[in-house]
PDB file of N, CA and C in Angstrom:
ATOM      1  N   MET A   1      76.195 -41.554  47.851  1.00  0.00           N
ATOM      2  CA  MET A   1      76.495 -42.048  46.533  1.00  0.00           C
ATOM      3  C   MET A   1      77.956 -41.748  46.226  1.00  0.00           C
ATOM      4  N   PHE A   2      78.570 -42.621  45.463  1.00  0.00           N
ATOM      5  CA  PHE A   2      79.955 -42.395  45.119  1.00  0.00           C
ATOM      6  C   PHE A   2      80.245 -42.919  43.717  1.00  0.00           C
ATOM      7  N   SER A   3      81.262 -42.338  43.132  1.00  0.00           N
ATOM      8  CA  SER A   3      81.637 -42.695  41.762  1.00  0.00           C
ATOM      9  C   SER A   3      82.598 -43.881  41.759  1.00  0.00           C
ATOM     10  N   LEU A   4      82.810 -44.404  40.580  1.00  0.00           N
ATOM     11  CA  LEU A   4      83.752 -45.512  40.394  1.00  0.00           C
ATOM     12  C   LEU A   4      85.154 -45.086  40.826  1.00  0.00           C
ATOM     13  N   GLU A   5      85.518 -43.842  40.514  1.00  0.00           N
ATOM     14  CA  GLU A   5      86.846 -43.332  40.861  1.00  0.00           C
ATOM     15  C   GLU A   5      87.036 -43.220  42.374  1.00  0.00           C
ATOM     16  N   GLU A   6      85.981 -42.906  43.123  1.00  0.00           N
ATOM     17  CA  GLU A   6      86.071 -42.753  44.576  1.00  0.00           C
ATOM     18  C   GLU A   6      86.023 -44.085  45.316  1.00  0.00           C
ATOM     19  N   SER A   7      85.628 -45.139  44.654  1.00  0.00           N
ATOM     20  CA  SER A   7      85.376 -46.406  45.337  1.00  0.00           C
ATOM     21  C   SER A   7      86.607 -46.977  46.039  1.00  0.00           C
ATOM     22  N   SER A   8      87.806 -46.624  45.593  1.00  0.00           N
ATOM     23  CA  SER A   8      89.004 -47.132  46.254  1.00  0.00           C
ATOM     24  C   SER A   8      89.212 -46.516  47.638  1.00  0.00           C
ATOM     25  N   GLU A   9      88.516 -45.418  47.935  1.00  0.00           N
ATOM     26  CA  GLU A   9      88.635 -44.752  49.236  1.00  0.00           C
ATOM     27  C   GLU A   9      87.458 -45.077  50.172  1.00  0.00           C
ATOM     28  N   ILE A  10      86.436 -45.740  49.660  1.00  0.00           N
ATOM     29  CA  ILE A  10      85.209 -45.991  50.419  1.00  0.00           C
ATOM     30  C   ILE A  10      85.434 -47.029  51.511  1.00  0.00           C
ATOM     31  N   ILE A  11      84.847 -46.765  52.688  1.00  0.00           N
ATOM     32  CA  ILE A  11      84.859 -47.716  53.798  1.00  0.00           C
ATOM     33  C   ILE A  11      83.434 -48.234  53.943  1.00  0.00           C
ATOM     34  N   GLU A  12      83.289 -49.549  53.907  1.00  0.00           N
ATOM     35  CA  GLU A  12      81.967 -50.179  53.950  1.00  0.00           C
ATOM     36  C   GLU A  12      81.698 -50.753  55.338  1.00  0.00           C
ATOM     37  N   PHE A  13      80.511 -50.436  55.863  1.00  0.00           N
ATOM     38  CA  PHE A  13      80.009 -51.015  57.106  1.00  0.00           C
ATOM     39  C   PHE A  13      78.793 -51.862  56.739  1.00  0.00           C
ATOM     40  N   ASP A  14      78.198 -52.529  57.710  1.00  0.00           N
ATOM     41  CA  ASP A  14      77.047 -53.390  57.415  1.00  0.00           C
ATOM     42  C   ASP A  14      75.896 -52.622  56.767  1.00  0.00           C
ATOM     43  N   ASN A  15      75.610 -51.408  57.269  1.00  0.00           N
ATOM     44  CA  ASN A  15      74.424 -50.688  56.804  1.00  0.00           C
ATOM     45  C   ASN A  15      74.710 -49.344  56.153  1.00  0.00           C
ATOM     46  N   PHE A  16      75.970 -48.999  55.954  1.00  0.00           N
ATOM     47  CA  PHE A  16      76.290 -47.705  55.362  1.00  0.00           C
ATOM     48  C   PHE A  16      77.721 -47.692  54.835  1.00  0.00           C
ATOM     49  N   PHE A  17      78.032 -46.636  54.092  1.00  0.00           N
ATOM     50  CA  PHE A  17      79.361 -46.417  53.550  1.00  0.00           C
ATOM     51  C   PHE A  17      79.883 -45.081  54.060  1.00  0.00           C
ATOM     52  N   ILE A  18      81.205 -44.940  54.104  1.00  0.00           N
ATOM     53  CA  ILE A  18      81.826 -43.661  54.425  1.00  0.00           C
ATOM     54  C   ILE A  18      82.848 -43.348  53.345  1.00  0.00           C
ATOM     55  N   LEU A  19      82.808 -42.116  52.862  1.00  0.00           N
ATOM     56  CA  LEU A  19      83.860 -41.597  52.006  1.00  0.00           C
ATOM     57  C   LEU A  19      84.617 -40.595  52.859  1.00  0.00           C
ATOM     58  N   PRO A  20      85.778 -40.991  53.412  1.00  0.00           N
ATOM     59  CA  PRO A  20      86.523 -40.069  54.275  1.00  0.00           C
ATOM     60  C   PRO A  20      86.939 -38.820  53.506  1.00  0.00           C
ATOM     61  N   PRO A  21      87.095 -37.706  54.204  1.00  0.00           N
ATOM     62  CA  PRO A  21      87.531 -36.490  53.517  1.00  0.00           C
ATOM     63  C   PRO A  21      88.950 -36.665  52.980  1.00  0.00           C
ATOM     64  N   LEU A  22      89.236 -35.940  51.916  1.00  0.00           N
ATOM     65  CA  LEU A  22      90.600 -35.954  51.403  1.00  0.00           C
ATOM     66  C   LEU A  22      91.521 -35.430  52.492  1.00  0.00           C
ATOM     67  N   LEU A  23      92.625 -36.068  52.683  1.00  0.00           N
ATOM     68  CA  LEU A  23      93.513 -35.702  53.779  1.00  0.00           C
ATOM     69  C   LEU A  23      93.985 -34.261  53.687  1.00  0.00           C
ATOM     70  N   GLU A  24      94.314 -33.792  52.489  1.00  0.00           N
ATOM     71  CA  GLU A  24      94.783 -32.419  52.362  1.00  0.00           C
ATOM     72  C   GLU A  24      93.690 -31.439  52.740  1.00  0.00           C
ATOM     73  N   PHE A  25      92.451 -31.745  52.423  1.00  0.00           N
ATOM     74  CA  PHE A  25      91.331 -30.888  52.797  1.00  0.00           C
ATOM     75  C   PHE A  25      91.084 -30.978  54.297  1.00  0.00           C
ATOM     76  N   PHE A  26      91.245 -32.174  54.840  1.00  0.00           N
ATOM     77  CA  PHE A  26      90.931 -32.446  56.247  1.00  0.00           C
ATOM     78  C   PHE A  26      91.896 -31.756  57.204  1.00  0.00           C
ATOM     79  N   ILE A  27      93.192 -31.852  56.945  1.00  0.00           N
ATOM     80  CA  ILE A  27      94.166 -31.257  57.877  1.00  0.00           C
ATOM     81  C   ILE A  27      95.211 -30.393  57.179  1.00  0.00           C
ATOM     82  N   GLY A  28      94.994 -30.038  55.954  1.00  0.00           N
ATOM     83  CA  GLY A  28      95.975 -29.245  55.244  1.00  0.00           C
ATOM     84  C   GLY A  28      97.045 -30.135  54.633  1.00  0.00           C
ATOM     85  N   ARG A  29      98.004 -29.533  53.984  1.00  0.00           N
ATOM     86  CA  ARG A  29      99.083 -30.294  53.347  1.00  0.00           C
ATOM     87  C   ARG A  29      99.844 -31.106  54.388  1.00  0.00           C
ATOM     88  N   ILE A  30     100.047 -32.370  54.074  1.00  0.00           N
ATOM     89  CA  ILE A  30     100.807 -33.249  54.958  1.00  0.00           C
ATOM     90  C   ILE A  30     102.175 -33.449  54.316  1.00  0.00           C
ATOM     91  N   SER A  31     103.207 -33.137  55.057  1.00  0.00           N
ATOM     92  CA  SER A  31     104.547 -33.331  54.518  1.00  0.00           C
ATOM     93  C   SER A  31     105.493 -33.699  55.651  1.00  0.00           C
ATOM     94  N   GLY A  32     106.716 -33.953  55.294  1.00  0.00           N
ATOM     95  CA  GLY A  32     107.715 -34.278  56.298  1.00  0.00           C
ATOM     96  C   GLY A  32     107.926 -35.770  56.429  1.00  0.00           C
ATOM     97  N   LYS A  33     108.830 -36.132  57.332  1.00  0.00           N
ATOM     98  CA  LYS A  33     109.224 -37.534  57.462  1.00  0.00           C
ATOM     99  C   LYS A  33     108.099 -38.429  57.976  1.00  0.00           C
ATOM    100  N   ASP A  34     107.119 -37.883  58.697  1.00  0.00           N
ATOM    101  CA  ASP A  34     106.027 -38.682  59.252  1.00  0.00           C
ATOM    102  C   ASP A  34     104.755 -38.630  58.409  1.00  0.00           C
ATOM    103  N   LYS A  35     104.879 -38.202  57.153  1.00  0.00           N
ATOM    104  CA  LYS A  35     103.717 -38.045  56.281  1.00  0.00           C
ATOM    105  C   LYS A  35     102.885 -39.327  56.186  1.00  0.00           C
ATOM    106  N   ASN A  36     103.513 -40.464  55.910  1.00  0.00           N
ATOM    107  CA  ASN A  36     102.769 -41.721  55.731  1.00  0.00           C
ATOM    108  C   ASN A  36     102.100 -42.166  57.021  1.00  0.00           C
ATOM    109  N   LEU A  37     102.775 -42.009  58.149  1.00  0.00           N
ATOM    110  CA  LEU A  37     102.194 -42.375  59.440  1.00  0.00           C
ATOM    111  C   LEU A  37     100.979 -41.507  59.743  1.00  0.00           C
ATOM    112  N   THR A  38     101.092 -40.210  59.494  1.00  0.00           N
ATOM    113  CA  THR A  38      99.982 -39.284  59.738  1.00  0.00           C
ATOM    114  C   THR A  38      98.782 -39.658  58.884  1.00  0.00           C
ATOM    115  N   GLN A  39      99.009 -39.965  57.612  1.00  0.00           N
ATOM    116  CA  GLN A  39      97.909 -40.354  56.724  1.00  0.00           C
ATOM    117  C   GLN A  39      97.240 -41.629  57.221  1.00  0.00           C
ATOM    118  N   LYS A  40      98.022 -42.590  57.680  1.00  0.00           N
ATOM    119  CA  LYS A  40      97.479 -43.859  58.169  1.00  0.00           C
ATOM    120  C   LYS A  40      96.616 -43.636  59.413  1.00  0.00           C
ATOM    121  N   ILE A  41      97.065 -42.805  60.325  1.00  0.00           N
ATOM    122  CA  ILE A  41      96.303 -42.518  61.550  1.00  0.00           C
ATOM    123  C   ILE A  41      94.965 -41.886  61.211  1.00  0.00           C
ATOM    124  N   ILE A  42      94.981 -40.915  60.306  1.00  0.00           N
ATOM    125  CA  ILE A  42      93.741 -40.218  59.958  1.00  0.00           C
ATOM    126  C   ILE A  42      92.777 -41.159  59.238  1.00  0.00           C
ATOM    127  N   LYS A  43      93.268 -41.966  58.304  1.00  0.00           N
ATOM    128  CA  LYS A  43      92.387 -42.899  57.589  1.00  0.00           C
ATOM    129  C   LYS A  43      91.787 -43.914  58.555  1.00  0.00           C
ATOM    130  N   ASN A  44      92.568 -44.384  59.515  1.00  0.00           N
ATOM    131  CA  ASN A  44      92.062 -45.372  60.471  1.00  0.00           C
ATOM    132  C   ASN A  44      90.984 -44.809  61.377  1.00  0.00           C
ATOM    133  N   LYS A  45      90.945 -43.502  61.554  1.00  0.00           N
ATOM    134  CA  LYS A  45      89.918 -42.878  62.394  1.00  0.00           C
ATOM    135  C   LYS A  45      88.520 -43.225  61.886  1.00  0.00           C
ATOM    136  N   PHE A  46      88.374 -43.387  60.606  1.00  0.00           N
ATOM    137  CA  PHE A  46      87.062 -43.635  60.007  1.00  0.00           C
ATOM    138  C   PHE A  46      86.743 -45.117  59.872  1.00  0.00           C
ATOM    139  N   MET A  47      87.627 -46.001  60.313  1.00  0.00           N
ATOM    140  CA  MET A  47      87.430 -47.440  60.154  1.00  0.00           C
ATOM    141  C   MET A  47      86.586 -48.051  61.268  1.00  0.00           C
ATOM    142  N   LYS A  48      86.336 -47.295  62.348  1.00  0.00           N
ATOM    143  CA  LYS A  48      85.606 -47.847  63.483  1.00  0.00           C
ATOM    144  C   LYS A  48      84.673 -46.785  64.050  1.00  0.00           C
ATOM    145  N   THR A  49      83.440 -47.183  64.387  1.00  0.00           N
ATOM    146  CA  THR A  49      82.485 -46.249  64.977  1.00  0.00           C
ATOM    147  C   THR A  49      82.572 -46.304  66.499  1.00  0.00           C
ATOM    148  N   ASN A  50      81.890 -45.378  67.147  1.00  0.00           N
ATOM    149  CA  ASN A  50      81.820 -45.399  68.614  1.00  0.00           C
ATOM    150  C   ASN A  50      81.092 -46.637  69.133  1.00  0.00           C
ATOM    151  N   HIS A  51      80.326 -47.277  68.275  1.00  0.00           N
ATOM    152  CA  HIS A  51      79.592 -48.488  68.658  1.00  0.00           C
ATOM    153  C   HIS A  51      80.404 -49.740  68.322  1.00  0.00           C
ATOM    154  N   HIS A  52      81.692 -49.539  68.064  1.00  0.00           N
ATOM    155  CA  HIS A  52      82.648 -50.627  67.798  1.00  0.00           C
ATOM    156  C   HIS A  52      82.349 -51.415  66.529  1.00  0.00           C
ATOM    157  N   GLU A  53      81.626 -50.791  65.607  1.00  0.00           N
ATOM    158  CA  GLU A  53      81.440 -51.395  64.293  1.00  0.00           C
ATOM    159  C   GLU A  53      82.721 -51.142  63.503  1.00  0.00           C
ATOM    160  N   VAL A  54      83.234 -52.156  62.863  1.00  0.00           N
ATOM    161  CA  VAL A  54      84.475 -52.016  62.111  1.00  0.00           C
ATOM    162  C   VAL A  54      84.166 -52.084  60.620  1.00  0.00           C
ATOM    163  N   GLY A  55      84.654 -51.095  59.899  1.00  0.00           N
ATOM    164  CA  GLY A  55      84.452 -51.062  58.457  1.00  0.00           C
ATOM    165  C   GLY A  55      85.636 -51.665  57.733  1.00  0.00           C
ATOM    166  N   GLN A  56      85.464 -51.837  56.454  1.00  0.00           N
ATOM    167  CA  GLN A  56      86.564 -52.341  55.629  1.00  0.00           C
ATOM    168  C   GLN A  56      86.518 -51.651  54.272  1.00  0.00           C
ATOM    169  N   LYS A  57      87.667 -51.558  53.653  1.00  0.00           N
ATOM    170  CA  LYS A  57      87.736 -50.980  52.315  1.00  0.00           C
ATOM    171  C   LYS A  57      86.965 -51.871  51.351  1.00  0.00           C
ATOM    172  N   LEU A  58      86.372 -51.262  50.340  1.00  0.00           N
ATOM    173  CA  LEU A  58      85.680 -52.051  49.322  1.00  0.00           C
ATOM    174  C   LEU A  58      86.678 -52.962  48.617  1.00  0.00           C
ATOM    175  N   LYS A  59      86.280 -54.181  48.389  1.00  0.00           N
ATOM    176  CA  LYS A  59      87.168 -55.136  47.726  1.00  0.00           C
ATOM    177  C   LYS A  59      87.154 -54.957  46.210  1.00  0.00           C
ATOM    178  N   GLU A  60      86.016 -54.529  45.694  1.00  0.00           N
ATOM    179  CA  GLU A  60      85.872 -54.347  44.257  1.00  0.00           C
ATOM    180  C   GLU A  60      85.496 -52.907  43.966  1.00  0.00           C
ATOM    181  N   ARG A  61      85.935 -52.435  42.825  1.00  0.00           N
ATOM    182  CA  ARG A  61      85.553 -51.081  42.417  1.00  0.00           C
ATOM    183  C   ARG A  61      84.146 -51.110  41.824  1.00  0.00           C
ATOM    184  N   TYR A  62      83.300 -50.249  42.324  1.00  0.00           N
ATOM    185  CA  TYR A  62      81.988 -50.077  41.710  1.00  0.00           C
ATOM    186  C   TYR A  62      81.424 -48.728  42.104  1.00  0.00           C
ATOM    187  N   ARG A  63      80.334 -48.364  41.480  1.00  0.00           N
ATOM    188  CA  ARG A  63      79.706 -47.080  41.801  1.00  0.00           C
ATOM    189  C   ARG A  63      78.369 -47.338  42.479  1.00  0.00           C
ATOM    190  N   TYR A  64      78.007 -46.409  43.335  1.00  0.00           N
ATOM    191  CA  TYR A  64      76.707 -46.453  44.008  1.00  0.00           C
ATOM    192  C   TYR A  64      76.001 -45.179  43.610  1.00  0.00           C
ATOM    193  N   SER A  65      74.978 -45.307  42.791  1.00  0.00           N
ATOM    194  CA  SER A  65      74.302 -44.122  42.259  1.00  0.00           C
ATOM    195  C   SER A  65      72.795 -44.286  42.344  1.00  0.00           C
ATOM    196  N   SER A  66      72.102 -43.203  42.073  1.00  0.00           N
ATOM    197  CA  SER A  66      70.643 -43.250  42.164  1.00  0.00           C
ATOM    198  C   SER A  66      70.054 -44.238  41.163  1.00  0.00           C
ATOM    199  N   GLY A  67      70.783 -44.527  40.100  1.00  0.00           N
ATOM    200  CA  GLY A  67      70.315 -45.511  39.129  1.00  0.00           C
ATOM    201  C   GLY A  67      70.306 -46.928  39.681  1.00  0.00           C
ATOM    202  N   SER A  68      71.127 -47.170  40.707  1.00  0.00           N
ATOM    203  CA  SER A  68      71.189 -48.512  41.300  1.00  0.00           C
ATOM    204  C   SER A  68      70.571 -48.544  42.700  1.00  0.00           C
ATOM    205  N   ASN A  69      69.907 -47.477  43.064  1.00  0.00           N
ATOM    206  CA  ASN A  69      69.307 -47.354  44.395  1.00  0.00           C
ATOM    207  C   ASN A  69      68.056 -48.217  44.550  1.00  0.00           C
ATOM    208  N   THR A  70      67.852 -48.711  45.764  1.00  0.00           N
ATOM    209  CA  THR A  70      66.552 -49.261  46.132  1.00  0.00           C
ATOM    210  C   THR A  70      65.947 -48.261  47.108  1.00  0.00           C
ATOM    211  N   PHE A  71      64.673 -48.058  47.060  1.00  0.00           N
ATOM    212  CA  PHE A  71      64.048 -47.007  47.836  1.00  0.00           C
ATOM    213  C   PHE A  71      63.449 -47.550  49.128  1.00  0.00           C
ATOM    214  N   LEU A  72      63.537 -46.732  50.178  1.00  0.00           N
ATOM    215  CA  LEU A  72      62.993 -47.101  51.482  1.00  0.00           C
ATOM    216  C   LEU A  72      61.498 -46.831  51.528  1.00  0.00           C
ATOM    217  N   THR A  73      60.808 -47.590  52.356  1.00  0.00           N
ATOM    218  CA  THR A  73      59.391 -47.330  52.589  1.00  0.00           C
ATOM    219  C   THR A  73      59.281 -46.208  53.620  1.00  0.00           C
ATOM    220  N   ILE A  74      58.109 -45.644  53.760  1.00  0.00           N
ATOM    221  CA  ILE A  74      57.877 -44.597  54.764  1.00  0.00           C
ATOM    222  C   ILE A  74      58.162 -45.141  56.158  1.00  0.00           C
ATOM    223  N   LYS A  75      57.787 -46.367  56.407  1.00  0.00           N
ATOM    224  CA  LYS A  75      58.034 -46.989  57.709  1.00  0.00           C
ATOM    225  C   LYS A  75      59.535 -47.103  57.995  1.00  0.00           C
ATOM    226  N   GLU A  76      60.318 -47.504  56.989  1.00  0.00           N
ATOM    227  CA  GLU A  76      61.772 -47.618  57.155  1.00  0.00           C
ATOM    228  C   GLU A  76      62.417 -46.249  57.396  1.00  0.00           C
ATOM    229  N   ILE A  77      61.956 -45.233  56.669  1.00  0.00           N
ATOM    230  CA  ILE A  77      62.475 -43.872  56.859  1.00  0.00           C
ATOM    231  C   ILE A  77      62.164 -43.381  58.260  1.00  0.00           C
ATOM    232  N   SER A  78      60.961 -43.631  58.717  1.00  0.00           N
ATOM    233  CA  SER A  78      60.557 -43.229  60.065  1.00  0.00           C
ATOM    234  C   SER A  78      61.424 -43.892  61.129  1.00  0.00           C
ATOM    235  N   ALA A  79      61.717 -45.170  60.969  1.00  0.00           N
ATOM    236  CA  ALA A  79      62.561 -45.891  61.930  1.00  0.00           C
ATOM    237  C   ALA A  79      63.974 -45.303  61.967  1.00  0.00           C
ATOM    238  N   ILE A  80      64.516 -44.978  60.807  1.00  0.00           N
ATOM    239  CA  ILE A  80      65.850 -44.367  60.743  1.00  0.00           C
ATOM    240  C   ILE A  80      65.831 -42.998  61.412  1.00  0.00           C
ATOM    241  N   ASN A  81      64.818 -42.205  61.125  1.00  0.00           N
ATOM    242  CA  ASN A  81      64.703 -40.881  61.751  1.00  0.00           C
ATOM    243  C   ASN A  81      64.640 -40.995  63.268  1.00  0.00           C
ATOM    244  N   ASN A  82      63.891 -41.969  63.764  1.00  0.00           N
ATOM    245  CA  ASN A  82      63.785 -42.150  65.213  1.00  0.00           C
ATOM    246  C   ASN A  82      65.140 -42.510  65.831  1.00  0.00           C
ATOM    247  N   LYS A  83      65.907 -43.352  65.163  1.00  0.00           N
ATOM    248  CA  LYS A  83      67.249 -43.695  65.652  1.00  0.00           C
ATOM    249  C   LYS A  83      68.136 -42.458  65.721  1.00  0.00           C
ATOM    250  N   ILE A  84      68.071 -41.641  64.695  1.00  0.00           N
ATOM    251  CA  ILE A  84      68.888 -40.417  64.658  1.00  0.00           C
ATOM    252  C   ILE A  84      68.478 -39.474  65.786  1.00  0.00           C
ATOM    253  N   ILE A  85      67.180 -39.255  65.941  1.00  0.00           N
ATOM    254  CA  ILE A  85      66.689 -38.357  66.988  1.00  0.00           C
ATOM    255  C   ILE A  85      67.083 -38.876  68.369  1.00  0.00           C
ATOM    256  N   ASN A  86      66.940 -40.171  68.595  1.00  0.00           N
ATOM    257  CA  ASN A  86      67.322 -40.754  69.886  1.00  0.00           C
ATOM    258  C   ASN A  86      68.814 -40.607  70.157  1.00  0.00           C
ATOM    259  N   SER A  87      69.648 -40.811  69.140  1.00  0.00           N
ATOM    260  CA  SER A  87      71.088 -40.686  69.350  1.00  0.00           C
ATOM    261  C   SER A  87      71.480 -39.244  69.642  1.00  0.00           C
ATOM    262  N   ILE A  88      70.781 -38.283  69.032  1.00  0.00           N
ATOM    263  CA  ILE A  88      71.058 -36.871  69.311  1.00  0.00           C
ATOM    264  C   ILE A  88      70.635 -36.523  70.735  1.00  0.00           C
ATOM    265  N   GLU A  89      69.461 -36.984  71.131  1.00  0.00           N
ATOM    266  CA  GLU A  89      68.986 -36.694  72.483  1.00  0.00           C
ATOM    267  C   GLU A  89      69.896 -37.302  73.544  1.00  0.00           C
ATOM    268  N   LYS A  90      70.420 -38.495  73.282  1.00  0.00           N
ATOM    269  CA  LYS A  90      71.297 -39.171  74.240  1.00  0.00           C
ATOM    270  C   LYS A  90      72.752 -38.720  74.102  1.00  0.00           C
ATOM    271  N   LYS A  91      73.030 -37.927  73.076  1.00  0.00           N
ATOM    272  CA  LYS A  91      74.406 -37.530  72.745  1.00  0.00           C
ATOM    273  C   LYS A  91      75.276 -38.755  72.544  1.00  0.00           C
ATOM    274  N   ASP A  92      74.691 -39.764  71.929  1.00  0.00           N
ATOM    275  CA  ASP A  92      75.356 -41.037  71.656  1.00  0.00           C
ATOM    276  C   ASP A  92      75.562 -41.129  70.150  1.00  0.00           C
ATOM    277  N   PHE A  93      76.431 -40.262  69.624  1.00  0.00           N
ATOM    278  CA  PHE A  93      76.610 -40.173  68.191  1.00  0.00           C
ATOM    279  C   PHE A  93      77.378 -41.367  67.655  1.00  0.00           C
ATOM    280  N   LEU A  94      77.199 -41.634  66.390  1.00  0.00           N
ATOM    281  CA  LEU A  94      77.807 -42.802  65.772  1.00  0.00           C
ATOM    282  C   LEU A  94      79.333 -42.693  65.709  1.00  0.00           C
ATOM    283  N   PHE A  95      79.854 -41.489  65.461  1.00  0.00           N
ATOM    284  CA  PHE A  95      81.298 -41.301  65.334  1.00  0.00           C
ATOM    285  C   PHE A  95      81.785 -40.272  66.333  1.00  0.00           C
ATOM    286  N   PHE A  96      83.050 -40.351  66.655  1.00  0.00           N
ATOM    287  CA  PHE A  96      83.653 -39.375  67.548  1.00  0.00           C
ATOM    288  C   PHE A  96      84.316 -38.278  66.769  1.00  0.00           C
TER     289      PHE A  96
END
């Protein structure tokens, strides 16, 4: 879930969203002549998964909250859990 204020940082994929960590939290204070290049490299890390899925920034600002949630069935939750367990067993994680 994310707030309206965070939506400008959200990366959207077909079936999920990513809110990348704040750069200062992620690697400490970024400064110096290569500051903008460093920020671009780190942000781009989250734009593509190991399965070559490419995300994109949200085009419109909006919030995703429990008030706007649709709920999964037990069968859907079970299928997701099985995918996660299989990826862990195969060490085929979604991100590097």
